[in-house]
Protein backbone atom coordinates (compact mmCIF):
# COMPACT_ATOMS: atom_id res chain seq x y z
CA UNK A 1 -31.40 -9.76 26.06
CA UNK A 2 -28.58 -11.53 26.61
CA UNK A 3 -29.92 -14.61 25.39
CA UNK A 4 -31.21 -13.31 22.34
CA UNK A 5 -27.71 -11.31 21.90
CA UNK A 6 -26.20 -14.82 22.37
CA UNK A 7 -28.59 -16.24 19.65
CA UNK A 8 -27.79 -13.23 17.10
CA UNK A 9 -23.74 -14.09 17.75
CA UNK A 10 -24.64 -17.93 17.13
CA UNK A 11 -26.38 -16.84 13.70
CA UNK A 12 -23.37 -14.50 12.72
CA UNK A 13 -20.76 -17.33 12.92
CA UNK A 14 -23.02 -19.21 10.76
CA UNK A 15 -23.54 -16.52 8.13
CA UNK A 16 -19.93 -16.06 8.16
CA UNK A 17 -18.87 -19.89 8.10
CA UNK A 18 -21.09 -20.30 5.50
CA UNK A 19 -20.00 -17.04 3.32
CA UNK A 20 -16.40 -18.49 3.55
CA UNK A 21 -17.59 -22.07 2.17
CA UNK A 22 -18.77 -19.87 -0.76
CA UNK A 23 -15.58 -18.39 -1.40
CA UNK A 24 -13.49 -21.81 -0.71
CA UNK A 25 -16.08 -23.32 -3.31
CA UNK A 26 -15.05 -20.21 -5.46
CA UNK A 27 -11.58 -20.97 -5.41
CA UNK A 28 -11.91 -24.40 -5.88
CA UNK A 29 -14.26 -24.17 -8.80
CA UNK A 30 -12.41 -21.32 -10.68
CA UNK A 31 -9.03 -23.35 -10.83
CA UNK A 32 -10.87 -26.83 -11.85
CA UNK A 33 -12.37 -25.24 -14.69
CA UNK A 34 -9.03 -24.27 -15.76
CA UNK A 35 -7.45 -28.08 -15.21
CA UNK A 36 -10.85 -29.51 -16.40
CA UNK A 37 -11.30 -27.58 -19.65
CA UNK A 38 -15.23 -26.71 -19.00
CA UNK A 39 -16.11 -23.40 -18.99
CA UNK A 40 -19.91 -24.52 -17.26
CA UNK A 41 -18.04 -24.57 -13.83
CA UNK A 42 -16.92 -20.73 -14.75
CA UNK A 43 -20.55 -19.96 -15.19
CA UNK A 44 -21.59 -21.31 -11.43
CA UNK A 45 -18.86 -19.10 -9.72
CA UNK A 46 -20.44 -16.49 -10.82
CA UNK A 47 -23.50 -17.01 -9.54
CA UNK A 48 -21.80 -17.66 -6.14
CA UNK A 49 -20.18 -14.38 -6.59
CA UNK A 50 -23.37 -12.74 -6.36
CA UNK A 51 -24.43 -14.64 -3.40
CA UNK A 52 -21.16 -13.82 -1.80
CA UNK A 53 -22.01 -10.18 -2.41
CA UNK A 54 -25.78 -10.55 -1.10
CA UNK A 55 -24.21 -12.01 2.35
CA UNK A 56 -21.53 -8.98 2.72
CA UNK A 57 -24.21 -6.19 2.72
CA UNK A 58 -26.05 -8.40 4.87
CA UNK A 59 -23.80 -9.16 7.31
CA UNK A 60 -22.64 -5.76 7.58
CA UNK A 61 -25.59 -4.64 8.22
CA UNK A 62 -26.72 -7.29 10.83
CA UNK A 63 -23.35 -6.52 12.37
CA UNK A 64 -23.92 -3.02 12.92
CA UNK A 65 -27.37 -2.98 14.26
CA UNK A 66 -26.34 -5.74 16.92
CA UNK A 67 -23.40 -3.11 17.99
CA UNK A 68 -25.72 -0.44 17.80
CA UNK A 69 -28.50 -2.20 19.80
CA UNK A 70 -26.88 -3.91 22.42
CA UNK A 71 -23.77 -1.36 22.62
CA UNK A 72 -21.08 -4.51 23.59
CA UNK A 73 -18.02 -4.39 25.60
CA UNK A 74 -14.69 -5.66 25.82
CA UNK A 75 -14.82 -8.84 24.28
CA UNK A 76 -18.03 -8.96 22.25
CA UNK A 77 -17.09 -5.52 20.63
CA UNK A 78 -14.36 -6.93 19.46
CA UNK A 79 -15.83 -10.01 17.83
CA UNK A 80 -18.07 -7.81 16.31
CA UNK A 81 -15.63 -5.58 14.83
CA UNK A 82 -13.69 -8.43 13.15
CA UNK A 83 -16.41 -9.72 11.71
CA UNK A 84 -16.73 -6.71 9.89
CA UNK A 85 -13.09 -6.83 9.21
CA UNK A 86 -13.66 -10.90 8.02
CA UNK A 87 -16.47 -10.38 5.75
CA UNK A 88 -14.99 -7.54 3.48
CA UNK A 89 -11.81 -10.06 3.12
CA UNK A 90 -14.11 -13.11 2.11
CA UNK A 91 -16.07 -10.68 -0.58
CA UNK A 92 -12.53 -9.75 -1.84
CA UNK A 93 -11.34 -13.36 -2.17
CA UNK A 94 -14.91 -13.90 -4.09
CA UNK A 95 -13.49 -11.20 -6.33
CA UNK A 96 -10.33 -12.91 -6.74
CA UNK A 97 -11.89 -15.66 -7.94
CA UNK A 98 -13.93 -13.64 -10.81
CA UNK A 99 -10.36 -12.57 -12.11
CA UNK A 100 -9.18 -16.24 -11.98
CA UNK A 101 -12.40 -17.06 -14.45
CA UNK A 102 -11.69 -13.90 -16.31
CA UNK A 103 -7.90 -15.04 -17.19
CA UNK A 104 -9.40 -19.04 -16.87
CA UNK A 105 -11.60 -18.08 -20.04
CA UNK A 106 -9.03 -16.63 -22.25
CA UNK A 107 -6.49 -19.79 -21.79
CA UNK A 108 -9.94 -22.19 -22.41
CA UNK A 109 -9.58 -21.13 -25.69
CA UNK A 110 -6.42 -22.68 -26.60
CA UNK A 111 -4.62 -25.94 -26.08
CA UNK A 112 -3.03 -25.78 -22.23
CA UNK A 113 0.72 -24.86 -22.50
CA UNK A 114 2.07 -26.93 -19.88
CA UNK A 115 0.36 -29.37 -17.21
CA UNK A 116 -0.70 -27.75 -14.38
CA UNK A 117 0.74 -28.76 -10.78
CA UNK A 118 1.08 -25.69 -8.65
CA UNK A 119 -1.35 -23.69 -9.62
CA UNK A 120 -3.99 -26.37 -8.07
CA UNK A 121 -1.68 -26.79 -5.10
CA UNK A 122 -1.66 -22.87 -4.74
CA UNK A 123 -5.62 -23.22 -4.84
CA UNK A 124 -5.54 -26.00 -2.31
CA UNK A 125 -3.37 -24.19 0.40
CA UNK A 126 -5.14 -21.33 -0.39
CA UNK A 127 -8.87 -22.54 0.12
CA UNK A 128 -7.89 -24.88 3.47
CA UNK A 129 -6.49 -21.56 4.75
CA UNK A 130 -9.51 -19.64 4.26
CA UNK A 131 -11.43 -22.64 6.03
CA UNK A 132 -8.97 -22.69 8.85
CA UNK A 133 -9.04 -19.14 9.38
CA UNK A 134 -13.15 -18.93 9.76
CA UNK A 135 -12.57 -21.84 12.18
CA UNK A 136 -9.79 -19.93 14.36
CA UNK A 137 -12.43 -17.22 14.05
CA UNK A 138 -15.45 -18.87 15.35
CA UNK A 139 -13.14 -21.60 17.90
CA UNK A 140 -10.98 -18.08 19.03
CA UNK A 141 -8.01 -20.27 18.38
CA UNK A 142 -4.80 -18.32 18.12
CA UNK A 143 -2.85 -20.80 17.43
CA UNK A 144 -5.01 -22.24 13.70
CA UNK A 145 -4.98 -18.64 13.43
CA UNK A 146 -0.73 -18.61 13.22
CA UNK A 147 -0.73 -21.65 11.32
CA UNK A 148 -2.59 -19.78 8.62
CA UNK A 149 -0.30 -17.06 8.54
CA UNK A 150 2.36 -19.30 8.50
CA UNK A 151 0.87 -20.86 5.00
CA UNK A 152 1.54 -17.90 3.55
CA UNK A 153 5.01 -18.53 2.79
CA UNK A 154 4.36 -21.90 0.77
CA UNK A 155 1.95 -20.11 -1.46
CA UNK A 156 4.58 -17.25 -2.02
CA UNK A 157 7.09 -19.74 -2.86
CA UNK A 158 4.94 -21.68 -5.19
CA UNK A 159 4.07 -18.37 -7.21
CA UNK A 160 7.43 -17.49 -7.38
CA UNK A 161 7.95 -21.12 -8.62
CA UNK A 162 5.22 -20.73 -11.14
CA UNK A 163 7.10 -17.38 -12.30
CA UNK A 164 10.44 -18.93 -13.10
CA UNK A 165 8.90 -21.99 -14.98
CA UNK A 166 6.70 -19.66 -17.32
CA UNK A 167 9.56 -17.22 -18.04
CA UNK A 168 11.54 -20.25 -19.37
CA UNK A 169 8.67 -20.60 -21.58
CA UNK A 170 8.22 -16.84 -22.77
CA UNK A 171 11.94 -16.92 -23.30
CA UNK A 172 11.99 -20.09 -25.55
CA UNK A 173 8.81 -19.04 -27.83
CA UNK A 174 7.18 -15.78 -28.08
CA UNK A 175 4.26 -17.42 -29.14
CA UNK A 176 3.62 -18.50 -25.56
CA UNK A 177 3.79 -15.22 -23.75
CA UNK A 178 -0.30 -14.61 -23.49
CA UNK A 179 -1.04 -18.25 -22.05
CA UNK A 180 2.03 -17.65 -19.80
CA UNK A 181 0.97 -14.27 -18.44
CA UNK A 182 -2.78 -15.46 -18.07
CA UNK A 183 -1.43 -18.17 -15.59
CA UNK A 184 1.21 -15.85 -14.14
CA UNK A 185 -1.78 -13.39 -13.11
CA UNK A 186 -3.73 -16.79 -11.76
CA UNK A 187 -0.68 -17.40 -9.45
CA UNK A 188 -0.79 -13.90 -8.28
CA UNK A 189 -4.48 -14.06 -7.83
CA UNK A 190 -4.47 -16.96 -5.36
CA UNK A 191 -1.48 -15.26 -3.40
CA UNK A 192 -3.84 -12.64 -2.70
CA UNK A 193 -6.75 -14.89 -1.81
CA UNK A 194 -3.95 -16.42 0.44
CA UNK A 195 -3.28 -12.89 1.63
CA UNK A 196 -6.74 -12.44 2.53
CA UNK A 197 -7.04 -15.22 5.06
CA UNK A 198 -4.12 -14.41 6.42
CA UNK A 199 -5.29 -10.83 7.08
CA UNK A 200 -8.43 -13.10 8.70
CA UNK A 201 -5.63 -14.92 11.16
CA UNK A 202 -4.03 -11.84 12.26
CA UNK A 203 -7.28 -10.16 13.20
CA UNK A 204 -8.14 -13.60 14.96
CA UNK A 205 -4.90 -13.39 17.04
CA UNK A 206 -5.72 -9.66 17.47
CA UNK A 207 -8.82 -10.52 18.51
CA UNK A 208 -8.43 -13.24 21.22
CA UNK A 209 -5.06 -11.65 22.99
CA UNK A 210 -4.84 -8.48 21.85
CA UNK A 211 -1.83 -8.81 19.90
CA UNK A 212 -0.75 -7.01 16.81
CA UNK A 213 1.19 -9.18 14.77
CA UNK A 214 0.63 -7.59 11.13
CA UNK A 215 3.94 -6.68 10.22
CA UNK A 216 6.22 -8.83 12.51
CA UNK A 217 4.70 -12.13 12.18
CA UNK A 218 7.74 -14.02 12.96
CA UNK A 219 8.45 -12.10 16.05
CA UNK A 220 5.04 -13.96 17.30
């Protein structure tokens, strides 16, 4: 029975890592579609969202059955509860990538307002945060999880920088307002993705160390 449970845990980790990989790809592709002005990339993001939604249902169902059948205690129970929370965070990241695609679709109808520098950087950082948060979960590495939480500030700073820059465009030329607002929305969606990755990092720290740092990350 114990060997069977260990095998199920292994499969669960693999499913979550695969789901995280899909989320990373959706984040990257949603911004890539905008930067490269290619609407066909958006279509692939939508297909990946369908798969992420199916995975969320499958992982939740599998995890709940493992808890019910094996009645794990202590570390194993905390691991499974954390897996359920991570599953939800990954699905929400997929939703945010779809939101980016919706704004990108509108932006593709017009010339780019400005060269895109900070938004692709935000997407790069957020994607790495997603990867590292899941690696921290699987490897039970609280230090890696903490590094994810710290990087959230970098994404926040870039979002503020995007807003300030685009505000100057809107003030100088009202004709840029809609395009600028769409770019600001994209930066906010990327910020939310980084927040979801940070949530995973915080859950990993709690799972491994039993320490709740959600509202005082700098005091850890």
